[in-house]
N, C-alpha and C. Protein backbone atom coordinates (compact mmCIF):
# COMPACT_ATOMS: atom_id res chain seq x y z
N UNK A 1 -29.30 -36.04 31.97
CA UNK A 1 -28.07 -35.69 31.31
C UNK A 1 -28.08 -36.25 29.88
N UNK A 2 -27.74 -35.40 28.90
CA UNK A 2 -27.73 -35.83 27.51
C UNK A 2 -26.43 -36.53 27.19
N UNK A 3 -26.54 -37.51 26.32
CA UNK A 3 -25.35 -38.20 25.85
C UNK A 3 -24.77 -37.43 24.67
N UNK A 4 -23.46 -37.37 24.61
CA UNK A 4 -22.79 -36.69 23.50
C UNK A 4 -22.93 -37.54 22.25
N UNK A 5 -23.19 -36.88 21.12
CA UNK A 5 -23.30 -37.59 19.85
C UNK A 5 -21.91 -38.01 19.40
N UNK A 6 -21.85 -39.18 18.82
CA UNK A 6 -20.59 -39.62 18.24
C UNK A 6 -20.48 -38.99 16.85
N UNK A 7 -19.31 -38.52 16.55
CA UNK A 7 -19.07 -37.92 15.24
C UNK A 7 -18.27 -38.90 14.41
N UNK A 8 -18.78 -39.14 13.21
CA UNK A 8 -18.08 -40.04 12.29
C UNK A 8 -16.86 -39.30 11.74
N UNK A 9 -15.63 -39.79 11.99
CA UNK A 9 -14.43 -39.10 11.50
C UNK A 9 -14.41 -38.95 9.99
N UNK A 10 -15.09 -39.83 9.27
CA UNK A 10 -15.11 -39.73 7.81
C UNK A 10 -15.99 -38.57 7.34
N UNK A 11 -16.91 -38.12 8.21
CA UNK A 11 -17.83 -37.03 7.85
C UNK A 11 -17.18 -35.66 7.97
N UNK A 12 -16.07 -35.58 8.67
CA UNK A 12 -15.38 -34.30 8.85
C UNK A 12 -14.58 -34.00 7.59
N UNK A 13 -14.84 -32.84 7.00
CA UNK A 13 -14.11 -32.48 5.79
C UNK A 13 -12.73 -31.96 6.16
N UNK A 14 -11.78 -32.40 5.41
CA UNK A 14 -10.40 -31.97 5.64
C UNK A 14 -10.16 -30.68 4.87
N UNK A 15 -9.51 -29.70 5.49
CA UNK A 15 -9.24 -28.46 4.75
C UNK A 15 -8.23 -28.71 3.63
N UNK A 16 -8.40 -27.96 2.57
CA UNK A 16 -7.49 -28.08 1.45
C UNK A 16 -6.14 -27.46 1.84
N UNK A 17 -5.08 -28.15 1.53
CA UNK A 17 -3.74 -27.66 1.89
C UNK A 17 -3.17 -26.82 0.75
N UNK A 18 -2.50 -25.75 1.13
CA UNK A 18 -1.79 -24.91 0.17
C UNK A 18 -0.31 -25.21 0.28
N UNK A 19 0.39 -25.10 -0.83
CA UNK A 19 1.82 -25.38 -0.86
C UNK A 19 2.60 -24.08 -0.90
N UNK A 20 3.56 -23.95 -0.01
CA UNK A 20 4.45 -22.80 0.03
C UNK A 20 5.88 -23.30 -0.15
N UNK A 21 6.70 -22.54 -0.87
CA UNK A 21 8.11 -22.87 -1.01
C UNK A 21 8.90 -21.72 -0.41
N UNK A 22 9.64 -22.02 0.65
CA UNK A 22 10.44 -21.02 1.34
C UNK A 22 11.86 -21.55 1.44
N UNK A 23 12.80 -20.83 0.86
CA UNK A 23 14.22 -21.25 0.85
C UNK A 23 14.37 -22.69 0.36
N UNK A 24 13.73 -23.00 -0.75
CA UNK A 24 13.79 -24.31 -1.39
C UNK A 24 13.25 -25.45 -0.53
N UNK A 25 12.45 -25.15 0.49
CA UNK A 25 11.78 -26.16 1.30
C UNK A 25 10.29 -26.06 1.01
N UNK A 26 9.67 -27.20 0.75
CA UNK A 26 8.24 -27.22 0.42
C UNK A 26 7.44 -27.49 1.69
N UNK A 27 6.46 -26.60 1.95
CA UNK A 27 5.57 -26.74 3.10
C UNK A 27 4.15 -26.87 2.60
N UNK A 28 3.34 -27.68 3.28
CA UNK A 28 1.92 -27.76 3.00
C UNK A 28 1.19 -27.34 4.27
N UNK A 29 0.28 -26.39 4.13
CA UNK A 29 -0.39 -25.83 5.29
C UNK A 29 -1.75 -25.29 4.88
N UNK A 30 -2.53 -24.91 5.87
CA UNK A 30 -3.77 -24.19 5.59
C UNK A 30 -3.50 -22.72 5.86
N UNK A 31 -4.08 -21.87 5.05
CA UNK A 31 -3.88 -20.43 5.18
C UNK A 31 -5.06 -19.82 5.92
N UNK A 32 -4.78 -18.90 6.84
CA UNK A 32 -5.84 -18.23 7.58
C UNK A 32 -6.50 -17.16 6.71
N UNK A 33 -7.71 -16.74 7.10
CA UNK A 33 -8.40 -15.67 6.37
C UNK A 33 -7.57 -14.39 6.41
N UNK A 34 -6.93 -14.12 7.55
CA UNK A 34 -6.12 -12.92 7.70
C UNK A 34 -4.96 -12.94 6.69
N UNK A 35 -4.31 -14.07 6.53
CA UNK A 35 -3.19 -14.18 5.59
C UNK A 35 -3.68 -14.00 4.16
N UNK A 36 -4.81 -14.63 3.83
CA UNK A 36 -5.34 -14.56 2.47
C UNK A 36 -5.76 -13.14 2.10
N UNK A 37 -6.30 -12.37 3.06
CA UNK A 37 -6.82 -11.04 2.75
C UNK A 37 -5.78 -9.93 2.85
N UNK A 38 -4.56 -10.24 3.29
CA UNK A 38 -3.56 -9.16 3.40
C UNK A 38 -3.10 -8.71 2.02
N UNK A 39 -2.69 -7.44 1.90
CA UNK A 39 -2.30 -6.92 0.60
C UNK A 39 -1.04 -7.62 0.07
N UNK A 40 -0.96 -7.71 -1.23
CA UNK A 40 0.18 -8.33 -1.88
C UNK A 40 1.40 -7.41 -1.74
N UNK A 41 2.55 -8.00 -1.45
CA UNK A 41 3.78 -7.23 -1.32
C UNK A 41 4.14 -6.62 -2.66
N UNK A 42 4.53 -5.35 -2.65
CA UNK A 42 5.00 -4.70 -3.87
C UNK A 42 6.35 -4.06 -3.59
N UNK A 43 7.22 -4.15 -4.56
CA UNK A 43 8.57 -3.61 -4.43
C UNK A 43 8.50 -2.08 -4.37
N UNK A 44 9.28 -1.49 -3.47
CA UNK A 44 9.33 -0.03 -3.33
C UNK A 44 9.80 0.60 -4.63
N UNK A 45 9.08 1.62 -5.09
CA UNK A 45 9.44 2.35 -6.30
C UNK A 45 9.70 3.79 -5.90
N UNK A 46 10.99 4.25 -5.92
CA UNK A 46 11.30 5.61 -5.50
C UNK A 46 10.73 6.69 -6.41
N UNK A 47 10.27 6.32 -7.60
CA UNK A 47 9.69 7.30 -8.53
C UNK A 47 8.25 7.66 -8.18
N UNK A 48 7.62 6.87 -7.32
CA UNK A 48 6.23 7.14 -6.93
C UNK A 48 6.20 7.76 -5.54
N UNK A 49 5.73 9.00 -5.44
CA UNK A 49 5.59 9.68 -4.16
C UNK A 49 4.16 9.45 -3.69
N UNK A 50 4.01 8.73 -2.58
CA UNK A 50 2.69 8.33 -2.11
C UNK A 50 2.35 9.00 -0.78
N UNK A 51 1.05 9.11 -0.51
CA UNK A 51 0.57 9.65 0.76
C UNK A 51 0.80 8.59 1.83
N UNK A 52 1.54 8.92 2.86
CA UNK A 52 1.84 7.97 3.93
C UNK A 52 0.73 7.95 4.98
N UNK A 53 -0.23 8.86 4.84
CA UNK A 53 -1.35 8.98 5.77
C UNK A 53 -2.50 9.63 5.00
N UNK A 54 -3.76 9.32 5.31
CA UNK A 54 -4.87 9.98 4.62
C UNK A 54 -4.93 11.46 4.98
N UNK A 55 -5.32 12.27 4.03
CA UNK A 55 -5.40 13.71 4.30
C UNK A 55 -5.88 14.49 3.09
N UNK A 56 -5.60 15.79 3.11
CA UNK A 56 -6.02 16.71 2.05
C UNK A 56 -4.80 17.41 1.47
N UNK A 57 -4.74 17.48 0.15
CA UNK A 57 -3.66 18.21 -0.53
C UNK A 57 -4.02 19.69 -0.44
N UNK A 58 -3.21 20.46 0.29
CA UNK A 58 -3.51 21.89 0.46
C UNK A 58 -2.76 22.77 -0.53
N UNK A 59 -1.64 22.30 -1.04
CA UNK A 59 -0.86 23.06 -2.03
C UNK A 59 -0.22 22.11 -3.03
N UNK A 60 -0.12 22.54 -4.28
CA UNK A 60 0.62 21.82 -5.32
C UNK A 60 1.51 22.86 -5.99
N UNK A 61 2.83 22.65 -5.93
CA UNK A 61 3.78 23.64 -6.42
C UNK A 61 4.37 23.31 -7.79
N UNK A 62 4.06 22.14 -8.35
CA UNK A 62 4.66 21.74 -9.63
C UNK A 62 3.58 21.34 -10.62
N UNK A 63 3.99 21.18 -11.86
CA UNK A 63 3.07 20.72 -12.89
C UNK A 63 3.77 19.62 -13.70
N UNK A 64 3.00 18.89 -14.48
CA UNK A 64 3.57 17.80 -15.28
C UNK A 64 4.60 18.35 -16.27
N UNK A 65 5.71 17.62 -16.41
CA UNK A 65 6.77 18.01 -17.33
C UNK A 65 7.79 18.95 -16.72
N UNK A 66 7.56 19.45 -15.53
CA UNK A 66 8.47 20.40 -14.86
C UNK A 66 9.67 19.66 -14.27
N UNK A 67 10.85 20.24 -14.43
CA UNK A 67 12.06 19.68 -13.82
C UNK A 67 12.10 20.08 -12.35
N UNK A 68 12.54 19.13 -11.50
CA UNK A 68 12.63 19.39 -10.06
C UNK A 68 14.02 18.97 -9.57
N UNK A 69 14.44 19.59 -8.47
CA UNK A 69 15.73 19.26 -7.89
C UNK A 69 15.51 18.59 -6.53
N UNK A 70 16.50 17.82 -6.10
CA UNK A 70 16.41 17.10 -4.84
C UNK A 70 16.12 18.09 -3.70
N UNK A 71 15.11 17.78 -2.88
CA UNK A 71 14.74 18.63 -1.75
C UNK A 71 13.73 19.71 -2.08
N UNK A 72 13.40 19.89 -3.35
CA UNK A 72 12.42 20.91 -3.75
C UNK A 72 11.03 20.51 -3.26
N UNK A 73 10.29 21.48 -2.73
CA UNK A 73 8.94 21.23 -2.25
C UNK A 73 8.01 21.06 -3.45
N UNK A 74 7.25 19.94 -3.44
CA UNK A 74 6.37 19.63 -4.57
C UNK A 74 4.90 19.85 -4.22
N UNK A 75 4.53 19.50 -2.98
CA UNK A 75 3.13 19.61 -2.55
C UNK A 75 3.08 19.60 -1.03
N UNK A 76 1.90 19.91 -0.49
CA UNK A 76 1.68 19.87 0.95
C UNK A 76 0.46 18.99 1.22
N UNK A 77 0.63 18.05 2.15
CA UNK A 77 -0.44 17.15 2.56
C UNK A 77 -0.82 17.49 3.99
N UNK A 78 -2.07 17.93 4.19
CA UNK A 78 -2.54 18.22 5.54
C UNK A 78 -3.21 16.98 6.10
N UNK A 79 -2.70 16.52 7.24
CA UNK A 79 -3.27 15.34 7.89
C UNK A 79 -3.15 15.51 9.39
N UNK A 80 -4.23 15.27 10.11
CA UNK A 80 -4.25 15.36 11.56
C UNK A 80 -3.77 16.73 12.05
N UNK A 81 -4.22 17.78 11.36
CA UNK A 81 -3.90 19.17 11.69
C UNK A 81 -2.41 19.50 11.55
N UNK A 82 -1.69 18.69 10.77
CA UNK A 82 -0.28 18.96 10.52
C UNK A 82 -0.08 19.12 9.02
N UNK A 83 0.83 20.01 8.64
CA UNK A 83 1.17 20.21 7.23
C UNK A 83 2.44 19.42 6.93
N UNK A 84 2.32 18.45 6.04
CA UNK A 84 3.45 17.58 5.67
C UNK A 84 3.92 17.95 4.27
N UNK A 85 5.18 18.37 4.17
CA UNK A 85 5.74 18.76 2.88
C UNK A 85 6.15 17.51 2.11
N UNK A 86 5.74 17.45 0.86
CA UNK A 86 6.18 16.38 -0.04
C UNK A 86 7.30 16.98 -0.87
N UNK A 87 8.52 16.43 -0.72
CA UNK A 87 9.69 16.98 -1.40
C UNK A 87 10.26 15.95 -2.38
N UNK A 88 11.00 16.45 -3.36
CA UNK A 88 11.62 15.58 -4.36
C UNK A 88 12.78 14.81 -3.73
N UNK A 89 12.79 13.47 -3.84
CA UNK A 89 13.88 12.70 -3.26
C UNK A 89 15.15 12.71 -4.11
N UNK A 90 15.03 13.17 -5.36
CA UNK A 90 16.17 13.24 -6.28
C UNK A 90 15.84 14.21 -7.40
N UNK A 91 16.84 14.60 -8.18
CA UNK A 91 16.61 15.45 -9.35
C UNK A 91 15.84 14.64 -10.39
N UNK A 92 14.87 15.27 -11.03
CA UNK A 92 14.09 14.56 -12.04
C UNK A 92 13.06 15.45 -12.70
N UNK A 93 12.11 14.82 -13.34
CA UNK A 93 11.04 15.50 -14.05
C UNK A 93 9.71 14.92 -13.56
N UNK A 94 8.72 15.78 -13.37
CA UNK A 94 7.39 15.33 -12.95
C UNK A 94 6.75 14.66 -14.15
N UNK A 95 6.60 13.34 -14.08
CA UNK A 95 6.00 12.56 -15.16
C UNK A 95 4.48 12.70 -15.13
N UNK A 96 3.90 12.57 -13.92
CA UNK A 96 2.45 12.66 -13.80
C UNK A 96 2.08 13.22 -12.45
N UNK A 97 1.13 14.13 -12.44
CA UNK A 97 0.60 14.73 -11.22
C UNK A 97 -0.80 14.15 -11.01
N UNK A 98 -0.99 13.39 -9.94
CA UNK A 98 -2.24 12.67 -9.73
C UNK A 98 -3.19 13.33 -8.74
N UNK A 99 -2.92 14.57 -8.33
CA UNK A 99 -3.77 15.27 -7.37
C UNK A 99 -3.96 16.72 -7.78
N UNK A 100 -4.97 17.33 -7.20
CA UNK A 100 -5.22 18.77 -7.36
C UNK A 100 -5.34 19.37 -5.97
N UNK A 101 -5.15 20.68 -5.89
CA UNK A 101 -5.30 21.39 -4.62
C UNK A 101 -6.71 21.17 -4.08
N UNK A 102 -6.80 20.83 -2.78
CA UNK A 102 -8.09 20.61 -2.13
C UNK A 102 -8.59 19.17 -2.20
N UNK A 103 -7.90 18.33 -2.92
CA UNK A 103 -8.33 16.93 -3.08
C UNK A 103 -7.97 16.10 -1.84
N UNK A 104 -8.90 15.23 -1.43
CA UNK A 104 -8.64 14.31 -0.32
C UNK A 104 -8.00 13.05 -0.89
N UNK A 105 -7.01 12.53 -0.18
CA UNK A 105 -6.32 11.32 -0.62
C UNK A 105 -6.34 10.28 0.50
N UNK A 106 -6.25 9.03 0.11
CA UNK A 106 -6.17 7.93 1.06
C UNK A 106 -4.72 7.53 1.26
N UNK A 107 -4.48 6.71 2.26
CA UNK A 107 -3.13 6.21 2.50
C UNK A 107 -2.67 5.43 1.26
N UNK A 108 -1.42 5.62 0.88
CA UNK A 108 -0.77 4.96 -0.27
C UNK A 108 -1.28 5.45 -1.63
N UNK A 109 -2.03 6.55 -1.66
CA UNK A 109 -2.45 7.15 -2.92
C UNK A 109 -1.21 7.76 -3.59
N UNK A 110 -1.00 7.47 -4.86
CA UNK A 110 0.16 8.03 -5.58
C UNK A 110 -0.13 9.50 -5.87
N UNK A 111 0.69 10.40 -5.27
CA UNK A 111 0.51 11.83 -5.44
C UNK A 111 1.20 12.32 -6.70
N UNK A 112 2.48 11.96 -6.83
CA UNK A 112 3.29 12.43 -7.96
C UNK A 112 4.17 11.29 -8.45
N UNK A 113 4.29 11.18 -9.78
CA UNK A 113 5.22 10.23 -10.38
C UNK A 113 6.38 11.02 -10.98
N UNK A 114 7.60 10.61 -10.63
CA UNK A 114 8.80 11.27 -11.15
C UNK A 114 9.52 10.33 -12.10
N UNK A 115 10.36 10.93 -12.96
CA UNK A 115 11.24 10.12 -13.81
C UNK A 115 12.60 10.74 -13.89
């Protein structure tokens, strides 16, 4: 039977602590790889119409500079054999069109910017 090696406690490196402030309380902790690699929170911007699922743009009904009304169909995103209509959430003007018909998009890809 082998004897277990003694480990010198001074030889163990201590993880570096990160400081978090939540509701005016200071916490010191170690952050997991999962926490460090998660995407940074971004505030919702209603002017950016994004793809909620990866797919293919099958139709584009507007062009840059065109005025649109609330509920007007702007484009169609085909994903998982379903056609998803992208409609204007409010009256506005198409500031930038970031897709073309037939283009594949990833999740959270900005399709249309309104102003």
